[in-house]
Amino acid sequence: MANTAQAAKRARQSLKRREHNFGMRTALRTAIKKVKKAIAAGDKAAAAQTLQSSTSMIDKIADKRIIHKNKASRHKSRLAAAIKQMA
C-alpha cells in the first residue's frame, strides 16, 4: 500500500504500463506465430507477405524497448531464414 499520493500515482502508472506492455508482448508472439503458420502451410509468397507485416510490428515493439533490439533482430532473422529455406 502506498504511503503518499506520489507513490499511489506511481503504482497506478506502473500497473497501466504493465498491462500495455503485456498486450504488446502478446501481439509480438501472435505476429511470430502467424509467420510460422504461413511457413508450415507451404506458401512462400504468403509467408513472405506475413513476414513483412510482422517485421514492422517487431520493430515497433523493439523501438519501445518492450523487447531488446537484438532479440527482435534474432526473431526476424530466423523467420527470414525459414522462409528462404522453403522449396
N, C-alpha and C. Protein backbone atom coordinates (compact mmCIF):
# COMPACT_ATOMS: atom_id res chain seq x y z
N MET A 1 0.85 -1.19 0.00
CA MET A 1 0.00 0.00 0.00
C MET A 1 0.88 1.24 0.00
N ALA A 2 0.55 2.17 -0.86
CA ALA A 2 1.35 3.39 -0.98
C ALA A 2 1.07 4.32 0.20
N ASN A 3 2.13 4.96 0.69
CA ASN A 3 2.00 5.87 1.83
C ASN A 3 1.80 7.32 1.43
N THR A 4 2.13 7.67 0.21
CA THR A 4 1.99 9.06 -0.24
C THR A 4 1.20 9.09 -1.54
N ALA A 5 0.71 10.27 -1.87
CA ALA A 5 -0.03 10.44 -3.12
C ALA A 5 0.86 10.14 -4.32
N GLN A 6 2.12 10.54 -4.22
CA GLN A 6 3.07 10.28 -5.31
C GLN A 6 3.27 8.78 -5.52
N ALA A 7 3.42 8.06 -4.41
CA ALA A 7 3.63 6.61 -4.51
C ALA A 7 2.38 5.93 -5.06
N ALA A 8 1.21 6.42 -4.67
CA ALA A 8 -0.04 5.84 -5.17
C ALA A 8 -0.15 6.05 -6.68
N LYS A 9 0.20 7.25 -7.14
CA LYS A 9 0.15 7.55 -8.56
C LYS A 9 1.14 6.67 -9.33
N ARG A 10 2.35 6.53 -8.81
CA ARG A 10 3.35 5.68 -9.48
C ARG A 10 2.87 4.24 -9.56
N ALA A 11 2.18 3.77 -8.51
CA ALA A 11 1.65 2.40 -8.51
C ALA A 11 0.59 2.26 -9.60
N ARG A 12 -0.29 3.26 -9.74
CA ARG A 12 -1.31 3.23 -10.80
C ARG A 12 -0.66 3.24 -12.17
N GLN A 13 0.34 4.10 -12.35
CA GLN A 13 1.02 4.22 -13.64
C GLN A 13 1.73 2.92 -14.01
N SER A 14 2.37 2.30 -13.04
CA SER A 14 3.11 1.08 -13.35
C SER A 14 2.16 -0.06 -13.72
N LEU A 15 1.00 -0.12 -13.09
CA LEU A 15 0.02 -1.15 -13.46
C LEU A 15 -0.48 -0.93 -14.89
N LYS A 16 -0.76 0.33 -15.21
CA LYS A 16 -1.24 0.66 -16.55
C LYS A 16 -0.17 0.33 -17.59
N ARG A 17 1.07 0.69 -17.30
CA ARG A 17 2.18 0.43 -18.21
C ARG A 17 2.41 -1.07 -18.37
N ARG A 18 2.30 -1.82 -17.27
CA ARG A 18 2.48 -3.27 -17.31
C ARG A 18 1.43 -3.90 -18.22
N GLU A 19 0.18 -3.48 -18.10
CA GLU A 19 -0.88 -4.03 -18.95
C GLU A 19 -0.62 -3.71 -20.42
N HIS A 20 -0.17 -2.51 -20.70
CA HIS A 20 0.12 -2.12 -22.09
C HIS A 20 1.26 -2.96 -22.65
N ASN A 21 2.34 -3.07 -21.87
CA ASN A 21 3.50 -3.84 -22.32
C ASN A 21 3.13 -5.31 -22.51
N PHE A 22 2.29 -5.83 -21.63
CA PHE A 22 1.87 -7.22 -21.74
C PHE A 22 1.11 -7.44 -23.04
N GLY A 23 0.24 -6.48 -23.39
CA GLY A 23 -0.50 -6.57 -24.64
C GLY A 23 0.40 -6.50 -25.85
N MET A 24 1.41 -5.65 -25.79
CA MET A 24 2.35 -5.54 -26.90
C MET A 24 3.15 -6.83 -27.06
N ARG A 25 3.56 -7.41 -25.95
CA ARG A 25 4.31 -8.66 -25.99
C ARG A 25 3.45 -9.78 -26.57
N THR A 26 2.17 -9.78 -26.24
CA THR A 26 1.24 -10.76 -26.79
C THR A 26 1.11 -10.57 -28.29
N ALA A 27 1.02 -9.32 -28.73
CA ALA A 27 0.94 -9.03 -30.17
C ALA A 27 2.19 -9.52 -30.90
N LEU A 28 3.34 -9.37 -30.25
CA LEU A 28 4.59 -9.86 -30.82
C LEU A 28 4.54 -11.37 -31.04
N ARG A 29 4.12 -12.08 -30.01
CA ARG A 29 4.05 -13.54 -30.11
C ARG A 29 3.06 -13.97 -31.20
N THR A 30 1.95 -13.26 -31.30
CA THR A 30 0.95 -13.57 -32.32
C THR A 30 1.52 -13.34 -33.72
N ALA A 31 2.26 -12.25 -33.90
CA ALA A 31 2.85 -11.94 -35.20
C ALA A 31 3.84 -13.03 -35.61
N ILE A 32 4.63 -13.50 -34.66
CA ILE A 32 5.61 -14.56 -34.94
C ILE A 32 4.89 -15.85 -35.30
N LYS A 33 3.83 -16.16 -34.56
CA LYS A 33 3.07 -17.39 -34.83
C LYS A 33 2.41 -17.35 -36.20
N LYS A 34 1.96 -16.16 -36.63
CA LYS A 34 1.34 -16.04 -37.96
C LYS A 34 2.34 -16.40 -39.05
N VAL A 35 3.57 -15.93 -38.90
CA VAL A 35 4.60 -16.24 -39.90
C VAL A 35 4.91 -17.73 -39.88
N LYS A 36 5.06 -18.30 -38.69
CA LYS A 36 5.35 -19.74 -38.60
C LYS A 36 4.23 -20.57 -39.20
N LYS A 37 2.99 -20.13 -39.00
CA LYS A 37 1.84 -20.85 -39.56
C LYS A 37 1.87 -20.76 -41.09
N ALA A 38 2.21 -19.61 -41.64
CA ALA A 38 2.31 -19.44 -43.09
C ALA A 38 3.43 -20.30 -43.66
N ILE A 39 4.53 -20.41 -42.93
CA ILE A 39 5.64 -21.27 -43.36
C ILE A 39 5.21 -22.73 -43.37
N ALA A 40 4.49 -23.12 -42.32
CA ALA A 40 4.02 -24.51 -42.22
C ALA A 40 3.03 -24.84 -43.33
N ALA A 41 2.25 -23.84 -43.77
CA ALA A 41 1.29 -24.07 -44.84
C ALA A 41 1.98 -24.30 -46.18
N GLY A 42 3.21 -23.80 -46.31
CA GLY A 42 3.99 -24.07 -47.52
C GLY A 42 3.87 -23.02 -48.61
N ASP A 43 3.15 -21.95 -48.39
CA ASP A 43 3.00 -20.90 -49.39
C ASP A 43 4.07 -19.83 -49.15
N LYS A 44 5.10 -19.85 -49.98
CA LYS A 44 6.25 -18.96 -49.77
C LYS A 44 5.86 -17.49 -49.94
N ALA A 45 5.03 -17.18 -50.92
CA ALA A 45 4.62 -15.80 -51.16
C ALA A 45 3.82 -15.25 -49.97
N ALA A 46 2.89 -16.05 -49.47
CA ALA A 46 2.08 -15.63 -48.33
C ALA A 46 2.94 -15.47 -47.08
N ALA A 47 3.90 -16.38 -46.92
CA ALA A 47 4.79 -16.32 -45.76
C ALA A 47 5.65 -15.06 -45.82
N ALA A 48 6.14 -14.72 -47.01
CA ALA A 48 6.96 -13.52 -47.17
C ALA A 48 6.14 -12.26 -46.89
N GLN A 49 4.89 -12.25 -47.34
CA GLN A 49 4.00 -11.11 -47.09
C GLN A 49 3.71 -10.98 -45.59
N THR A 50 3.47 -12.10 -44.93
CA THR A 50 3.21 -12.09 -43.49
C THR A 50 4.44 -11.63 -42.73
N LEU A 51 5.61 -12.07 -43.18
CA LEU A 51 6.86 -11.66 -42.53
C LEU A 51 7.05 -10.14 -42.65
N GLN A 52 6.71 -9.58 -43.79
CA GLN A 52 6.88 -8.15 -43.99
C GLN A 52 6.04 -7.35 -43.00
N SER A 53 4.79 -7.75 -42.81
CA SER A 53 3.94 -7.03 -41.86
C SER A 53 4.37 -7.30 -40.42
N SER A 54 4.81 -8.52 -40.15
CA SER A 54 5.27 -8.87 -38.80
C SER A 54 6.57 -8.16 -38.45
N THR A 55 7.43 -7.96 -39.44
CA THR A 55 8.70 -7.28 -39.21
C THR A 55 8.46 -5.87 -38.70
N SER A 56 7.49 -5.19 -39.28
CA SER A 56 7.20 -3.83 -38.82
C SER A 56 6.68 -3.85 -37.39
N MET A 57 5.86 -4.83 -37.05
CA MET A 57 5.34 -4.96 -35.68
C MET A 57 6.49 -5.24 -34.71
N ILE A 58 7.39 -6.14 -35.08
CA ILE A 58 8.53 -6.49 -34.22
C ILE A 58 9.42 -5.27 -33.99
N ASP A 59 9.67 -4.51 -35.06
CA ASP A 59 10.50 -3.30 -34.93
C ASP A 59 9.86 -2.25 -34.03
N LYS A 60 8.56 -2.05 -34.15
CA LYS A 60 7.87 -1.08 -33.31
C LYS A 60 7.98 -1.46 -31.83
N ILE A 61 7.83 -2.74 -31.55
CA ILE A 61 7.91 -3.21 -30.17
C ILE A 61 9.33 -3.05 -29.63
N ALA A 62 10.32 -3.31 -30.47
CA ALA A 62 11.71 -3.13 -30.05
C ALA A 62 12.03 -1.65 -29.84
N ASP A 63 11.49 -0.79 -30.68
CA ASP A 63 11.71 0.66 -30.53
C ASP A 63 11.17 1.18 -29.21
N LYS A 64 10.10 0.56 -28.75
CA LYS A 64 9.50 0.97 -27.47
C LYS A 64 10.18 0.29 -26.29
N ARG A 65 11.21 -0.49 -26.57
CA ARG A 65 12.02 -1.18 -25.57
C ARG A 65 11.23 -2.19 -24.74
N ILE A 66 10.21 -2.77 -25.35
CA ILE A 66 9.46 -3.83 -24.68
C ILE A 66 10.27 -5.12 -24.79
N ILE A 67 10.94 -5.29 -25.92
CA ILE A 67 11.94 -6.35 -26.06
C ILE A 67 13.23 -5.69 -26.53
N HIS A 68 14.34 -6.37 -26.34
CA HIS A 68 15.63 -5.82 -26.74
C HIS A 68 15.75 -5.86 -28.26
N LYS A 69 16.47 -4.89 -28.82
CA LYS A 69 16.61 -4.81 -30.28
C LYS A 69 17.30 -6.04 -30.85
N ASN A 70 18.22 -6.65 -30.08
CA ASN A 70 18.89 -7.86 -30.58
C ASN A 70 17.92 -9.04 -30.63
N LYS A 71 17.01 -9.11 -29.68
CA LYS A 71 16.01 -10.17 -29.69
C LYS A 71 15.10 -10.01 -30.89
N ALA A 72 14.71 -8.78 -31.18
CA ALA A 72 13.87 -8.51 -32.35
C ALA A 72 14.60 -8.93 -33.62
N SER A 73 15.87 -8.57 -33.71
CA SER A 73 16.67 -8.91 -34.87
C SER A 73 16.80 -10.43 -35.03
N ARG A 74 16.99 -11.10 -33.92
CA ARG A 74 17.12 -12.56 -33.94
C ARG A 74 15.83 -13.22 -34.46
N HIS A 75 14.68 -12.75 -33.99
CA HIS A 75 13.40 -13.29 -34.47
C HIS A 75 13.24 -13.07 -35.96
N LYS A 76 13.50 -11.86 -36.41
CA LYS A 76 13.34 -11.54 -37.83
C LYS A 76 14.28 -12.38 -38.69
N SER A 77 15.50 -12.54 -38.22
CA SER A 77 16.50 -13.30 -38.98
C SER A 77 16.10 -14.77 -39.11
N ARG A 78 15.66 -15.35 -38.01
CA ARG A 78 15.28 -16.77 -38.04
C ARG A 78 14.05 -17.01 -38.90
N LEU A 79 13.09 -16.10 -38.85
CA LEU A 79 11.90 -16.25 -39.68
C LEU A 79 12.25 -16.09 -41.16
N ALA A 80 13.11 -15.11 -41.47
CA ALA A 80 13.51 -14.90 -42.87
C ALA A 80 14.29 -16.11 -43.38
N ALA A 81 15.15 -16.69 -42.54
CA ALA A 81 15.91 -17.88 -42.94
C ALA A 81 14.99 -19.06 -43.21
N ALA A 82 13.95 -19.20 -42.38
CA ALA A 82 13.00 -20.29 -42.55
C ALA A 82 12.25 -20.14 -43.86
N ILE A 83 11.90 -18.90 -44.21
CA ILE A 83 11.20 -18.66 -45.48
C ILE A 83 12.14 -18.92 -46.66
N LYS A 84 13.39 -18.52 -46.50
CA LYS A 84 14.37 -18.71 -47.56
C LYS A 84 14.61 -20.21 -47.84
N GLN A 85 14.50 -21.04 -46.82
CA GLN A 85 14.74 -22.48 -46.96
C GLN A 85 13.55 -23.20 -47.62
N MET A 86 12.41 -22.51 -47.70
CA MET A 86 11.25 -23.15 -48.30
C MET A 86 11.51 -23.45 -49.77
N ALA A 87 11.00 -24.58 -50.22
CA ALA A 87 11.22 -25.00 -51.61
C ALA A 87 10.31 -24.27 -52.56
